[in-house]
Amino acid sequence: MKESRHYREDRKHREAIIESIGTGQVVAKFTIDKGHKRGPEIHSITSTGIIIIQNEKTKKLITKLIARPGQIRRYFKDITPNIQQIISLAYEHKALGFNV
């Protein structure tokens, strides 16, 4: 996946933590339009509680986030057992101080 310069240069520490957690498998994708001049984004939620954000048009990686529980909840209207497991992981990551 092609990375933005911002992610490649400014997010090395976060990427190292994500590599230690593991990216996991994508379990859901959402198209988010925040009115950004470069267009909408695709937010992919993974089985390990990582949010991968890409530009919808270029598919370029904008950033990856180590999700906090509230972030996961906001994406889903219905909390299924699979999503509850990801929220539990997000609590663990938060307790470990990974959300940098």
PDB file of N, CA and C in Angstrom:
ATOM      1  N   MET A   1       0.842  -1.167   0.000  1.00  0.00           N
ATOM      2  CA  MET A   1       0.000   0.000   0.000  1.00  0.00           C
ATOM      3  C   MET A   1       0.894   1.239   0.000  1.00  0.00           C
ATOM      4  N   LYS A   2       0.647   2.129  -0.911  1.00  0.00           N
ATOM      5  CA  LYS A   2       1.425   3.367  -0.988  1.00  0.00           C
ATOM      6  C   LYS A   2       1.077   4.261   0.191  1.00  0.00           C
ATOM      7  N   GLU A   3       2.104   4.823   0.829  1.00  0.00           N
ATOM      8  CA  GLU A   3       1.921   5.644   2.028  1.00  0.00           C
ATOM      9  C   GLU A   3       2.067   7.122   1.709  1.00  0.00           C
ATOM     10  N   SER A   4       1.350   7.935   2.472  1.00  0.00           N
ATOM     11  CA  SER A   4       1.548   9.381   2.366  1.00  0.00           C
ATOM     12  C   SER A   4       2.892   9.729   3.000  1.00  0.00           C
ATOM     13  N   ARG A   5       3.454  10.842   2.600  1.00  0.00           N
ATOM     14  CA  ARG A   5       4.720  11.305   3.180  1.00  0.00           C
ATOM     15  C   ARG A   5       4.557  11.530   4.677  1.00  0.00           C
ATOM     16  N   HIS A   6       3.425  12.094   5.067  1.00  0.00           N
ATOM     17  CA  HIS A   6       3.141  12.336   6.490  1.00  0.00           C
ATOM     18  C   HIS A   6       3.240  11.038   7.289  1.00  0.00           C
ATOM     19  N   TYR A   7       2.606   9.988   6.808  1.00  0.00           N
ATOM     20  CA  TYR A   7       2.633   8.727   7.565  1.00  0.00           C
ATOM     21  C   TYR A   7       4.050   8.156   7.601  1.00  0.00           C
ATOM     22  N   ARG A   8       4.712   8.156   6.471  1.00  0.00           N
ATOM     23  CA  ARG A   8       6.051   7.573   6.357  1.00  0.00           C
ATOM     24  C   ARG A   8       7.052   8.297   7.249  1.00  0.00           C
ATOM     25  N   GLU A   9       6.945   9.629   7.345  1.00  0.00           N
ATOM     26  CA  GLU A   9       7.934  10.414   8.087  1.00  0.00           C
ATOM     27  C   GLU A   9       7.561  10.679   9.547  1.00  0.00           C
ATOM     28  N   ASP A  10       6.273  10.822   9.820  1.00  0.00           N
ATOM     29  CA  ASP A  10       5.862  11.281  11.151  1.00  0.00           C
ATOM     30  C   ASP A  10       5.255  10.209  12.038  1.00  0.00           C
ATOM     31  N   ARG A  11       5.030   9.051  11.533  1.00  0.00           N
ATOM     32  CA  ARG A  11       4.332   8.025  12.316  1.00  0.00           C
ATOM     33  C   ARG A  11       5.131   6.745  12.498  1.00  0.00           C
ATOM     34  N   LYS A  12       6.453   6.834  12.531  1.00  0.00           N
ATOM     35  CA  LYS A  12       7.312   5.656  12.680  1.00  0.00           C
ATOM     36  C   LYS A  12       7.083   4.949  14.013  1.00  0.00           C
ATOM     37  N   HIS A  13       6.956   5.716  15.092  1.00  0.00           N
ATOM     38  CA  HIS A  13       6.757   5.120  16.415  1.00  0.00           C
ATOM     39  C   HIS A  13       5.416   4.372  16.463  1.00  0.00           C
ATOM     40  N   ARG A  14       4.360   5.004  15.950  1.00  0.00           N
ATOM     41  CA  ARG A  14       3.050   4.361  15.931  1.00  0.00           C
ATOM     42  C   ARG A  14       3.092   3.086  15.094  1.00  0.00           C
ATOM     43  N   GLU A  15       3.746   3.138  13.950  1.00  0.00           N
ATOM     44  CA  GLU A  15       3.829   1.953  13.075  1.00  0.00           C
ATOM     45  C   GLU A  15       4.558   0.816  13.783  1.00  0.00           C
ATOM     46  N   ALA A  16       5.578   1.137  14.571  1.00  0.00           N
ATOM     47  CA  ALA A  16       6.299   0.096  15.313  1.00  0.00           C
ATOM     48  C   ALA A  16       5.375  -0.583  16.323  1.00  0.00           C
ATOM     49  N   ILE A  17       4.538   0.190  16.986  1.00  0.00           N
ATOM     50  CA  ILE A  17       3.582  -0.399  17.930  1.00  0.00           C
ATOM     51  C   ILE A  17       2.568  -1.256  17.183  1.00  0.00           C
ATOM     52  N   ILE A  18       2.066  -0.762  16.061  1.00  0.00           N
ATOM     53  CA  ILE A  18       1.100  -1.525  15.263  1.00  0.00           C
ATOM     54  C   ILE A  18       1.715  -2.836  14.796  1.00  0.00           C
ATOM     55  N   GLU A  19       2.981  -2.810  14.394  1.00  0.00           N
ATOM     56  CA  GLU A  19       3.643  -4.045  13.974  1.00  0.00           C
ATOM     57  C   GLU A  19       3.732  -5.035  15.135  1.00  0.00           C
ATOM     58  N   SER A  20       3.922  -4.538  16.370  1.00  0.00           N
ATOM     59  CA  SER A  20       3.995  -5.441  17.519  1.00  0.00           C
ATOM     60  C   SER A  20       2.618  -6.036  17.848  1.00  0.00           C
ATOM     61  N   ILE A  21       1.560  -5.273  17.610  1.00  0.00           N
ATOM     62  CA  ILE A  21       0.193  -5.753  17.833  1.00  0.00           C
ATOM     63  C   ILE A  21      -0.206  -6.724  16.719  1.00  0.00           C
ATOM     64  N   GLY A  22       0.141  -6.358  15.493  1.00  0.00           N
ATOM     65  CA  GLY A  22      -0.305  -7.079  14.311  1.00  0.00           C
ATOM     66  C   GLY A  22      -1.468  -6.336  13.689  1.00  0.00           C
ATOM     67  N   THR A  23      -1.447  -6.200  12.380  1.00  0.00           N
ATOM     68  CA  THR A  23      -2.503  -5.449  11.700  1.00  0.00           C
ATOM     69  C   THR A  23      -3.827  -6.193  11.723  1.00  0.00           C
ATOM     70  N   GLY A  24      -3.801  -7.523  11.663  1.00  0.00           N
ATOM     71  CA  GLY A  24      -5.040  -8.299  11.658  1.00  0.00           C
ATOM     72  C   GLY A  24      -5.696  -8.287  10.292  1.00  0.00           C
ATOM     73  N   GLN A  25      -6.932  -8.754  10.267  1.00  0.00           N
ATOM     74  CA  GLN A  25      -7.716  -8.823   9.033  1.00  0.00           C
ATOM     75  C   GLN A  25      -8.796  -7.744   9.062  1.00  0.00           C
ATOM     76  N   VAL A  26      -9.079  -7.157   7.918  1.00  0.00           N
ATOM     77  CA  VAL A  26     -10.131  -6.147   7.826  1.00  0.00           C
ATOM     78  C   VAL A  26     -11.479  -6.828   8.067  1.00  0.00           C
ATOM     79  N   VAL A  27     -12.254  -6.283   9.027  1.00  0.00           N
ATOM     80  CA  VAL A  27     -13.575  -6.834   9.326  1.00  0.00           C
ATOM     81  C   VAL A  27     -14.705  -5.921   8.857  1.00  0.00           C
ATOM     82  N   ALA A  28     -14.392  -4.639   8.597  1.00  0.00           N
ATOM     83  CA  ALA A  28     -15.407  -3.703   8.109  1.00  0.00           C
ATOM     84  C   ALA A  28     -14.724  -2.513   7.462  1.00  0.00           C
ATOM     85  N   LYS A  29     -15.421  -1.929   6.468  1.00  0.00           N
ATOM     86  CA  LYS A  29     -14.928  -0.719   5.800  1.00  0.00           C
ATOM     87  C   LYS A  29     -16.052   0.305   5.748  1.00  0.00           C
ATOM     88  N   PHE A  30     -15.668   1.571   5.931  1.00  0.00           N
ATOM     89  CA  PHE A  30     -16.627   2.657   5.901  1.00  0.00           C
ATOM     90  C   PHE A  30     -16.073   3.776   5.030  1.00  0.00           C
ATOM     91  N   THR A  31     -16.917   4.367   4.202  1.00  0.00           N
ATOM     92  CA  THR A  31     -16.527   5.543   3.439  1.00  0.00           C
ATOM     93  C   THR A  31     -16.940   6.756   4.268  1.00  0.00           C
ATOM     94  N   ILE A  32     -15.961   7.609   4.533  1.00  0.00           N
ATOM     95  CA  ILE A  32     -16.171   8.784   5.379  1.00  0.00           C
ATOM     96  C   ILE A  32     -15.843  10.028   4.556  1.00  0.00           C
ATOM     97  N   ASP A  33     -16.803  10.942   4.480  1.00  0.00           N
ATOM     98  CA  ASP A  33     -16.582  12.192   3.753  1.00  0.00           C
ATOM     99  C   ASP A  33     -16.616  13.340   4.753  1.00  0.00           C
ATOM    100  N   LYS A  34     -15.438  13.853   5.079  1.00  0.00           N
ATOM    101  CA  LYS A  34     -15.313  14.970   6.020  1.00  0.00           C
ATOM    102  C   LYS A  34     -15.138  16.296   5.282  1.00  0.00           C
ATOM    103  N   GLY A  35     -15.369  16.280   3.966  1.00  0.00           N
ATOM    104  CA  GLY A  35     -15.235  17.498   3.183  1.00  0.00           C
ATOM    105  C   GLY A  35     -13.793  17.879   2.898  1.00  0.00           C
ATOM    106  N   HIS A  36     -12.868  16.934   3.042  1.00  0.00           N
ATOM    107  CA  HIS A  36     -11.451  17.207   2.790  1.00  0.00           C
ATOM    108  C   HIS A  36     -11.245  17.538   1.316  1.00  0.00           C
ATOM    109  N   LYS A  37     -10.330  18.451   1.034  1.00  0.00           N
ATOM    110  CA  LYS A  37     -10.094  18.881  -0.346  1.00  0.00           C
ATOM    111  C   LYS A  37      -9.636  17.735  -1.253  1.00  0.00           C
ATOM    112  N   ARG A  38      -9.049  16.693  -0.687  1.00  0.00           N
ATOM    113  CA  ARG A  38      -8.610  15.548  -1.501  1.00  0.00           C
ATOM    114  C   ARG A  38      -9.662  14.451  -1.587  1.00  0.00           C
ATOM    115  N   GLY A  39     -10.830  14.705  -1.021  1.00  0.00           N
ATOM    116  CA  GLY A  39     -11.945  13.785  -1.169  1.00  0.00           C
ATOM    117  C   GLY A  39     -12.167  12.864   0.013  1.00  0.00           C
ATOM    118  N   PRO A  40     -13.150  11.970  -0.127  1.00  0.00           N
ATOM    119  CA  PRO A  40     -13.526  11.050   0.949  1.00  0.00           C
ATOM    120  C   PRO A  40     -12.414  10.064   1.295  1.00  0.00           C
ATOM    121  N   GLU A  41     -12.582   9.434   2.450  1.00  0.00           N
ATOM    122  CA  GLU A  41     -11.619   8.458   2.947  1.00  0.00           C
ATOM    123  C   GLU A  41     -12.304   7.107   3.123  1.00  0.00           C
ATOM    124  N   ILE A  42     -11.509   6.055   3.102  1.00  0.00           N
ATOM    125  CA  ILE A  42     -11.981   4.725   3.457  1.00  0.00           C
ATOM    126  C   ILE A  42     -11.356   4.399   4.807  1.00  0.00           C
ATOM    127  N   HIS A  43     -12.196   4.078   5.780  1.00  0.00           N
ATOM    128  CA  HIS A  43     -11.737   3.686   7.110  1.00  0.00           C
ATOM    129  C   HIS A  43     -11.974   2.192   7.243  1.00  0.00           C
ATOM    130  N   SER A  44     -10.896   1.426   7.367  1.00  0.00           N
ATOM    131  CA  SER A  44     -10.982  -0.029   7.514  1.00  0.00           C
ATOM    132  C   SER A  44     -10.681  -0.391   8.958  1.00  0.00           C
ATOM    133  N   ILE A  45     -11.564  -1.174   9.567  1.00  0.00           N
ATOM    134  CA  ILE A  45     -11.393  -1.624  10.944  1.00  0.00           C
ATOM    135  C   ILE A  45     -10.863  -3.051  10.890  1.00  0.00           C
ATOM    136  N   THR A  46      -9.800  -3.336  11.634  1.00  0.00           N
ATOM    137  CA  THR A  46      -9.224  -4.677  11.602  1.00  0.00           C
ATOM    138  C   THR A  46      -9.555  -5.457  12.876  1.00  0.00           C
ATOM    139  N   SER A  47      -9.325  -6.758  12.791  1.00  0.00           N
ATOM    140  CA  SER A  47      -9.616  -7.665  13.903  1.00  0.00           C
ATOM    141  C   SER A  47      -8.745  -7.407  15.131  1.00  0.00           C
ATOM    142  N   THR A  48      -7.677  -6.641  14.982  1.00  0.00           N
ATOM    143  CA  THR A  48      -6.814  -6.326  16.121  1.00  0.00           C
ATOM    144  C   THR A  48      -7.020  -4.891  16.637  1.00  0.00           C
ATOM    145  N   GLY A  49      -8.073  -4.227  16.161  1.00  0.00           N
ATOM    146  CA  GLY A  49      -8.388  -2.890  16.659  1.00  0.00           C
ATOM    147  C   GLY A  49      -7.581  -1.779  16.028  1.00  0.00           C
ATOM    148  N   ILE A  50      -7.144  -1.983  14.813  1.00  0.00           N
ATOM    149  CA  ILE A  50      -6.420  -0.944  14.076  1.00  0.00           C
ATOM    150  C   ILE A  50      -7.393  -0.314  13.080  1.00  0.00           C
ATOM    151  N   ILE A  51      -7.328   1.004  12.933  1.00  0.00           N
ATOM    152  CA  ILE A  51      -8.108   1.707  11.920  1.00  0.00           C
ATOM    153  C   ILE A  51      -7.132   2.155  10.843  1.00  0.00           C
ATOM    154  N   ILE A  52      -7.345   1.684   9.622  1.00  0.00           N
ATOM    155  CA  ILE A  52      -6.498   2.052   8.485  1.00  0.00           C
ATOM    156  C   ILE A  52      -7.283   3.065   7.661  1.00  0.00           C
ATOM    157  N   ILE A  53      -6.705   4.247   7.464  1.00  0.00           N
ATOM    158  CA  ILE A  53      -7.390   5.314   6.743  1.00  0.00           C
ATOM    159  C   ILE A  53      -6.660   5.565   5.429  1.00  0.00           C
ATOM    160  N   GLN A  54      -7.430   5.461   4.325  1.00  0.00           N
ATOM    161  CA  GLN A  54      -6.887   5.657   2.983  1.00  0.00           C
ATOM    162  C   GLN A  54      -7.729   6.675   2.233  1.00  0.00           C
ATOM    163  N   ASN A  55      -7.103   7.352   1.279  1.00  0.00           N
ATOM    164  CA  ASN A  55      -7.842   8.204   0.371  1.00  0.00           C
ATOM    165  C   ASN A  55      -8.682   7.311  -0.535  1.00  0.00           C
ATOM    166  N   GLU A  56      -9.959   7.628  -0.703  1.00  0.00           N
ATOM    167  CA  GLU A  56     -10.848   6.789  -1.511  1.00  0.00           C
ATOM    168  C   GLU A  56     -10.423   6.733  -2.979  1.00  0.00           C
ATOM    169  N   LYS A  57      -9.988   7.853  -3.520  1.00  0.00           N
ATOM    170  CA  LYS A  57      -9.635   7.891  -4.945  1.00  0.00           C
ATOM    171  C   LYS A  57      -8.288   7.232  -5.230  1.00  0.00           C
ATOM    172  N   THR A  58      -7.278   7.601  -4.465  1.00  0.00           N
ATOM    173  CA  THR A  58      -5.921   7.136  -4.762  1.00  0.00           C
ATOM    174  C   THR A  58      -5.561   5.839  -4.050  1.00  0.00           C
ATOM    175  N   LYS A  59      -6.329   5.488  -3.014  1.00  0.00           N
ATOM    176  CA  LYS A  59      -6.058   4.325  -2.154  1.00  0.00           C
ATOM    177  C   LYS A  59      -4.764   4.489  -1.353  1.00  0.00           C
ATOM    178  N   LYS A  60      -4.180   5.692  -1.376  1.00  0.00           N
ATOM    179  CA  LYS A  60      -2.947   5.951  -0.625  1.00  0.00           C
ATOM    180  C   LYS A  60      -3.246   5.943   0.863  1.00  0.00           C
ATOM    181  N   LEU A  61      -2.356   5.315   1.637  1.00  0.00           N
ATOM    182  CA  LEU A  61      -2.488   5.273   3.085  1.00  0.00           C
ATOM    183  C   LEU A  61      -2.291   6.672   3.647  1.00  0.00           C
ATOM    184  N   ILE A  62      -3.268   7.130   4.401  1.00  0.00           N
ATOM    185  CA  ILE A  62      -3.154   8.423   5.070  1.00  0.00           C
ATOM    186  C   ILE A  62      -2.553   8.212   6.456  1.00  0.00           C
ATOM    187  N   THR A  63      -3.151   7.307   7.216  1.00  0.00           N
ATOM    188  CA  THR A  63      -2.651   7.014   8.551  1.00  0.00           C
ATOM    189  C   THR A  63      -3.248   5.708   9.049  1.00  0.00           C
ATOM    190  N   LYS A  64      -2.685   5.204  10.131  1.00  0.00           N
ATOM    191  CA  LYS A  64      -3.249   4.073  10.864  1.00  0.00           C
ATOM    192  C   LYS A  64      -3.388   4.534  12.302  1.00  0.00           C
ATOM    193  N   LEU A  65      -4.471   4.127  12.926  1.00  0.00           N
ATOM    194  CA  LEU A  65      -4.719   4.478  14.312  1.00  0.00           C
ATOM    195  C   LEU A  65      -4.862   3.210  15.131  1.00  0.00           C
ATOM    196  N   ILE A  66      -4.402   3.259  16.355  1.00  0.00           N
ATOM    197  CA  ILE A  66      -4.671   2.197  17.315  1.00  0.00           C
ATOM    198  C   ILE A  66      -5.939   2.661  18.019  1.00  0.00           C
ATOM    199  N   ALA A  67      -7.046   2.016  17.678  1.00  0.00           N
ATOM    200  CA  ALA A  67      -8.359   2.526  18.063  1.00  0.00           C
ATOM    201  C   ALA A  67      -8.592   2.511  19.563  1.00  0.00           C
ATOM    202  N   ARG A  68      -9.254   3.556  20.029  1.00  0.00           N
ATOM    203  CA  ARG A  68      -9.793   3.581  21.381  1.00  0.00           C
ATOM    204  C   ARG A  68     -11.203   2.980  21.310  1.00  0.00           C
ATOM    205  N   PRO A  69     -11.713   2.453  22.407  1.00  0.00           N
ATOM    206  CA  PRO A  69     -13.030   1.794  22.375  1.00  0.00           C
ATOM    207  C   PRO A  69     -14.135   2.661  21.773  1.00  0.00           C
ATOM    208  N   GLY A  70     -14.181   3.931  22.146  1.00  0.00           N
ATOM    209  CA  GLY A  70     -15.224   4.821  21.627  1.00  0.00           C
ATOM    210  C   GLY A  70     -15.155   4.993  20.121  1.00  0.00           C
ATOM    211  N   GLN A  71     -13.945   4.976  19.579  1.00  0.00           N
ATOM    212  CA  GLN A  71     -13.806   5.105  18.126  1.00  0.00           C
ATOM    213  C   GLN A  71     -14.458   3.913  17.422  1.00  0.00           C
ATOM    214  N   ILE A  72     -14.232   2.720  17.935  1.00  0.00           N
ATOM    215  CA  ILE A  72     -14.829   1.526  17.327  1.00  0.00           C
ATOM    216  C   ILE A  72     -16.352   1.605  17.427  1.00  0.00           C
ATOM    217  N   ARG A  73     -16.862   1.979  18.579  1.00  0.00           N
ATOM    218  CA  ARG A  73     -18.318   2.053  18.767  1.00  0.00           C
ATOM    219  C   ARG A  73     -18.975   3.024  17.788  1.00  0.00           C
ATOM    220  N   ARG A  74     -18.322   4.145  17.507  1.00  0.00           N
ATOM    221  CA  ARG A  74     -18.915   5.146  16.619  1.00  0.00           C
ATOM    222  C   ARG A  74     -19.109   4.630  15.199  1.00  0.00           C
ATOM    223  N   TYR A  75     -18.324   3.663  14.774  1.00  0.00           N
ATOM    224  CA  TYR A  75     -18.475   3.125  13.425  1.00  0.00           C
ATOM    225  C   TYR A  75     -19.670   2.182  13.291  1.00  0.00           C
ATOM    226  N   PHE A  76     -20.072   1.560  14.371  1.00  0.00           N
ATOM    227  CA  PHE A  76     -21.075   0.499  14.305  1.00  0.00           C
ATOM    228  C   PHE A  76     -22.346   0.891  15.052  1.00  0.00           C
ATOM    229  N   LYS A  77     -23.483   0.690  14.407  1.00  0.00           N
ATOM    230  CA  LYS A  77     -24.756   0.943  15.070  1.00  0.00           C
ATOM    231  C   LYS A  77     -25.109  -0.222  15.989  1.00  0.00           C
ATOM    232  N   ASP A  78     -24.834  -1.448  15.548  1.00  0.00           N
ATOM    233  CA  ASP A  78     -25.126  -2.639  16.337  1.00  0.00           C
ATOM    234  C   ASP A  78     -23.808  -3.277  16.753  1.00  0.00           C
ATOM    235  N   ILE A  79     -23.657  -3.540  18.042  1.00  0.00           N
ATOM    236  CA  ILE A  79     -22.445  -4.177  18.553  1.00  0.00           C
ATOM    237  C   ILE A  79     -22.660  -5.691  18.531  1.00  0.00           C
ATOM    238  N   THR A  80     -21.960  -6.361  17.654  1.00  0.00           N
ATOM    239  CA  THR A  80     -22.044  -7.808  17.561  1.00  0.00           C
ATOM    240  C   THR A  80     -20.934  -8.420  18.407  1.00  0.00           C
ATOM    241  N   PRO A  81     -20.992  -9.729  18.695  1.00  0.00           N
ATOM    242  CA  PRO A  81     -19.911 -10.348  19.480  1.00  0.00           C
ATOM    243  C   PRO A  81     -18.529 -10.120  18.866  1.00  0.00           C
ATOM    244  N   ASN A  82     -18.415 -10.166  17.539  1.00  0.00           N
ATOM    245  CA  ASN A  82     -17.135  -9.945  16.870  1.00  0.00           C
ATOM    246  C   ASN A  82     -16.617  -8.531  17.153  1.00  0.00           C
ATOM    247  N   ILE A  83     -17.514  -7.556  17.098  1.00  0.00           N
ATOM    248  CA  ILE A  83     -17.121  -6.169  17.350  1.00  0.00           C
ATOM    249  C   ILE A  83     -16.799  -5.980  18.832  1.00  0.00           C
ATOM    250  N   GLN A  84     -17.528  -6.649  19.717  1.00  0.00           N
ATOM    251  CA  GLN A  84     -17.244  -6.543  21.151  1.00  0.00           C
ATOM    252  C   GLN A  84     -15.827  -7.030  21.451  1.00  0.00           C
ATOM    253  N   GLN A  85     -15.386  -8.068  20.745  1.00  0.00           N
ATOM    254  CA  GLN A  85     -14.019  -8.573  20.937  1.00  0.00           C
ATOM    255  C   GLN A  85     -12.993  -7.506  20.534  1.00  0.00           C
ATOM    256  N   ILE A  86     -13.252  -6.793  19.452  1.00  0.00           N
ATOM    257  CA  ILE A  86     -12.342  -5.731  19.003  1.00  0.00           C
ATOM    258  C   ILE A  86     -12.347  -4.580  20.017  1.00  0.00           C
ATOM    259  N   ILE A  87     -13.519  -4.260  20.560  1.00  0.00           N
ATOM    260  CA  ILE A  87     -13.593  -3.210  21.576  1.00  0.00           C
ATOM    261  C   ILE A  87     -12.781  -3.619  22.807  1.00  0.00           C
ATOM    262  N   SER A  88     -12.846  -4.882  23.188  1.00  0.00           N
ATOM    263  CA  SER A  88     -12.051  -5.365  24.325  1.00  0.00           C
ATOM    264  C   SER A  88     -10.562  -5.207  24.057  1.00  0.00           C
ATOM    265  N   LEU A  89     -10.131  -5.515  22.835  1.00  0.00           N
ATOM    266  CA  LEU A  89      -8.725  -5.304  22.463  1.00  0.00           C
ATOM    267  C   LEU A  89      -8.365  -3.825  22.543  1.00  0.00           C
ATOM    268  N   ALA A  90      -9.285  -2.969  22.117  1.00  0.00           N
ATOM    269  CA  ALA A  90      -9.036  -1.533  22.164  1.00  0.00           C
ATOM    270  C   ALA A  90      -8.824  -1.070  23.609  1.00  0.00           C
ATOM    271  N   TYR A  91      -9.598  -1.636  24.550  1.00  0.00           N
ATOM    272  CA  TYR A  91      -9.381  -1.315  25.967  1.00  0.00           C
ATOM    273  C   TYR A  91      -7.991  -1.747  26.416  1.00  0.00           C
ATOM    274  N   GLU A  92      -7.553  -2.929  25.982  1.00  0.00           N
ATOM    275  CA  GLU A  92      -6.214  -3.408  26.343  1.00  0.00           C
ATOM    276  C   GLU A  92      -5.145  -2.471  25.792  1.00  0.00           C
ATOM    277  N   HIS A  93      -5.294  -2.072  24.534  1.00  0.00           N
ATOM    278  CA  HIS A  93      -4.319  -1.180  23.905  1.00  0.00           C
ATOM    279  C   HIS A  93      -4.272   0.165  24.639  1.00  0.00           C
ATOM    280  N   LYS A  94      -5.458   0.647  25.032  1.00  0.00           N
ATOM    281  CA  LYS A  94      -5.517   1.914  25.768  1.00  0.00           C
ATOM    282  C   LYS A  94      -4.805   1.794  27.108  1.00  0.00           C
ATOM    283  N   ALA A  95      -5.037   0.685  27.818  1.00  0.00           N
ATOM    284  CA  ALA A  95      -4.391   0.476  29.120  1.00  0.00           C
ATOM    285  C   ALA A  95      -2.878   0.400  28.999  1.00  0.00           C
ATOM    286  N   LEU A  96      -2.395  -0.096  27.864  1.00  0.00           N
ATOM    287  CA  LEU A  96      -0.959  -0.203  27.627  1.00  0.00           C
ATOM    288  C   LEU A  96      -0.350   1.102  27.108  1.00  0.00           C
ATOM    289  N   GLY A  97      -1.193   2.121  26.873  1.00  0.00           N
ATOM    290  CA  GLY A  97      -0.691   3.413  26.407  1.00  0.00           C
ATOM    291  C   GLY A  97      -0.288   3.424  24.952  1.00  0.00           C
ATOM    292  N   PHE A  98      -0.879   2.543  24.150  1.00  0.00           N
ATOM    293  CA  PHE A  98      -0.508   2.449  22.739  1.00  0.00           C
ATOM    294  C   PHE A  98      -1.118   3.548  21.869  1.00  0.00           C
ATOM    295  N   ASN A  99      -2.106   4.276  22.329  1.00  0.00           N
ATOM    296  CA  ASN A  99      -2.802   5.258  21.506  1.00  0.00           C
ATOM    297  C   ASN A  99      -2.042   6.579  21.451  1.00  0.00           C
ATOM    298  N   VAL A 100      -0.900   6.527  20.766  1.00  0.00           N
ATOM    299  CA  VAL A 100      -0.033   7.702  20.675  1.00  0.00           C
ATOM    300  C   VAL A 100      -0.234   8.439  19.367  1.00  0.00           C
TER     301      VAL A 100
END
